[in-house]
Amino acid sequence: MGTTLVNFFAQTLPIVPTEPRSNFDILIGHLLAATIFSVVGIVVFFACLLIMEKITPFSIIKEIGEEHNQAVAMIVSAIVLGIAIIIAAAILG
C-alpha cells in the first residue's frame, strides 16, 4: 500500500523547479525563524512562571524579594532552568 501512495503522489504532484536561494536569503530566513522561536520561547517561559506563582500556596515574589528565602530561590531557579532546557530542546527540534 505504501508504494502505491508514493506512486500516486509522484504522478499527481508536478515537479516545480526552484531557483537556488542566495546566502543572504537563507540568512534572513534563519534569523526570522530564530526571532520567532525566541519570542515564543520567552512567552511560554513567562507563562510557566505565572502558572508556578498561581500553583504555590505562597507568593514566590514575596518569599524571595521581601523575606529573602534562599531555599525558595534555589527551588525556583532549578525549575526555571529546567523549563529553559525544555524550551531550548523544543526549539532545536
Protein backbone atom coordinates (compact mmCIF):
# COMPACT_ATOMS: atom_id res chain seq x y z
CA MET A 1 0.00 0.00 0.00
CA GLY A 2 2.85 2.39 0.80
CA THR A 3 4.36 2.13 -2.67
CA THR A 4 1.03 2.75 -4.36
CA LEU A 5 0.59 6.00 -2.41
CA VAL A 6 4.08 7.10 -3.36
CA ASN A 7 3.41 6.29 -7.00
CA PHE A 8 0.08 8.12 -6.85
CA PHE A 9 1.59 11.28 -5.41
CA ALA A 10 4.58 11.07 -7.74
CA GLN A 11 2.23 11.05 -10.71
CA THR A 12 -0.14 13.76 -9.50
CA LEU A 13 2.23 16.32 -7.99
CA PRO A 14 4.10 18.37 -10.56
CA ILE A 15 7.80 18.89 -10.05
CA VAL A 16 8.39 22.61 -9.80
CA PRO A 17 11.96 23.70 -10.41
CA THR A 18 13.14 26.07 -7.73
CA GLU A 19 15.69 28.78 -8.14
CA PRO A 20 18.76 28.49 -5.96
CA ARG A 21 18.49 30.78 -2.97
CA SER A 22 21.23 33.22 -2.20
CA ASN A 23 23.15 33.09 1.05
CA PHE A 24 21.51 36.33 2.13
CA ASP A 25 18.00 34.86 1.65
CA ILE A 26 18.98 31.82 3.71
CA LEU A 27 20.43 34.07 6.43
CA ILE A 28 17.27 36.19 6.59
CA GLY A 29 15.12 33.04 6.79
CA HIS A 30 17.19 31.64 9.66
CA LEU A 31 17.21 34.97 11.53
CA LEU A 32 13.44 35.25 11.16
CA ALA A 33 12.93 31.70 12.43
CA ALA A 34 15.29 32.30 15.37
CA THR A 35 13.45 35.50 16.28
CA ILE A 36 10.04 33.83 16.14
CA PHE A 37 11.21 30.84 18.19
CA SER A 38 12.83 33.17 20.74
CA VAL A 39 9.65 35.19 21.20
CA VAL A 40 7.54 32.03 21.51
CA GLY A 41 10.05 30.56 23.98
CA ILE A 42 10.02 33.70 26.14
CA VAL A 43 6.20 33.80 26.16
CA VAL A 44 6.00 30.12 27.16
CA PHE A 45 8.67 30.69 29.79
CA PHE A 46 6.78 33.56 31.44
CA ALA A 47 3.52 31.63 31.19
CA CYS A 48 5.17 28.79 33.12
CA LEU A 49 6.40 31.24 35.74
CA LEU A 50 2.89 32.67 36.14
CA ILE A 51 1.43 29.17 36.47
CA MET A 52 4.07 28.34 39.07
CA GLU A 53 3.17 31.51 41.00
CA LYS A 54 -0.53 30.56 40.95
CA ILE A 55 0.05 26.92 41.97
CA THR A 56 2.14 27.59 45.04
CA PRO A 57 0.26 28.33 48.29
CA PHE A 58 2.52 31.30 48.98
CA SER A 59 3.76 34.24 46.95
CA ILE A 60 7.09 33.37 45.38
CA ILE A 61 7.88 37.02 44.75
CA LYS A 62 7.20 37.93 48.39
CA GLU A 63 9.23 35.00 49.71
CA ILE A 64 12.27 35.78 47.57
CA GLY A 65 12.08 39.58 47.49
CA GLU A 66 10.88 40.54 50.93
CA GLU A 67 11.62 37.51 53.13
CA HIS A 68 14.97 36.68 51.42
CA ASN A 69 14.12 32.98 51.48
CA GLN A 70 17.14 31.34 49.83
CA ALA A 71 15.58 27.88 49.81
CA VAL A 72 12.64 29.06 47.72
CA ALA A 73 15.02 30.96 45.45
CA MET A 74 17.06 27.79 44.82
CA ILE A 75 13.94 25.73 44.06
CA VAL A 76 12.56 28.38 41.72
CA SER A 77 15.92 28.73 39.96
CA ALA A 78 16.06 24.94 39.43
CA ILE A 79 12.53 24.98 37.99
CA VAL A 80 13.37 27.95 35.77
CA LEU A 81 16.49 26.21 34.48
CA GLY A 82 14.50 23.05 33.77
CA ILE A 83 11.84 24.96 31.86
CA ALA A 84 14.53 26.79 29.88
CA ILE A 85 16.21 23.50 28.93
CA ILE A 86 12.88 22.03 27.80
CA ILE A 87 12.08 25.09 25.69
CA ALA A 88 15.57 25.09 24.15
CA ALA A 89 15.26 21.41 23.28
CA ALA A 90 11.86 22.03 21.70
CA ILE A 91 13.24 24.90 19.62
CA LEU A 92 16.25 22.91 18.43
CA GLY A 93 13.91 20.10 17.46
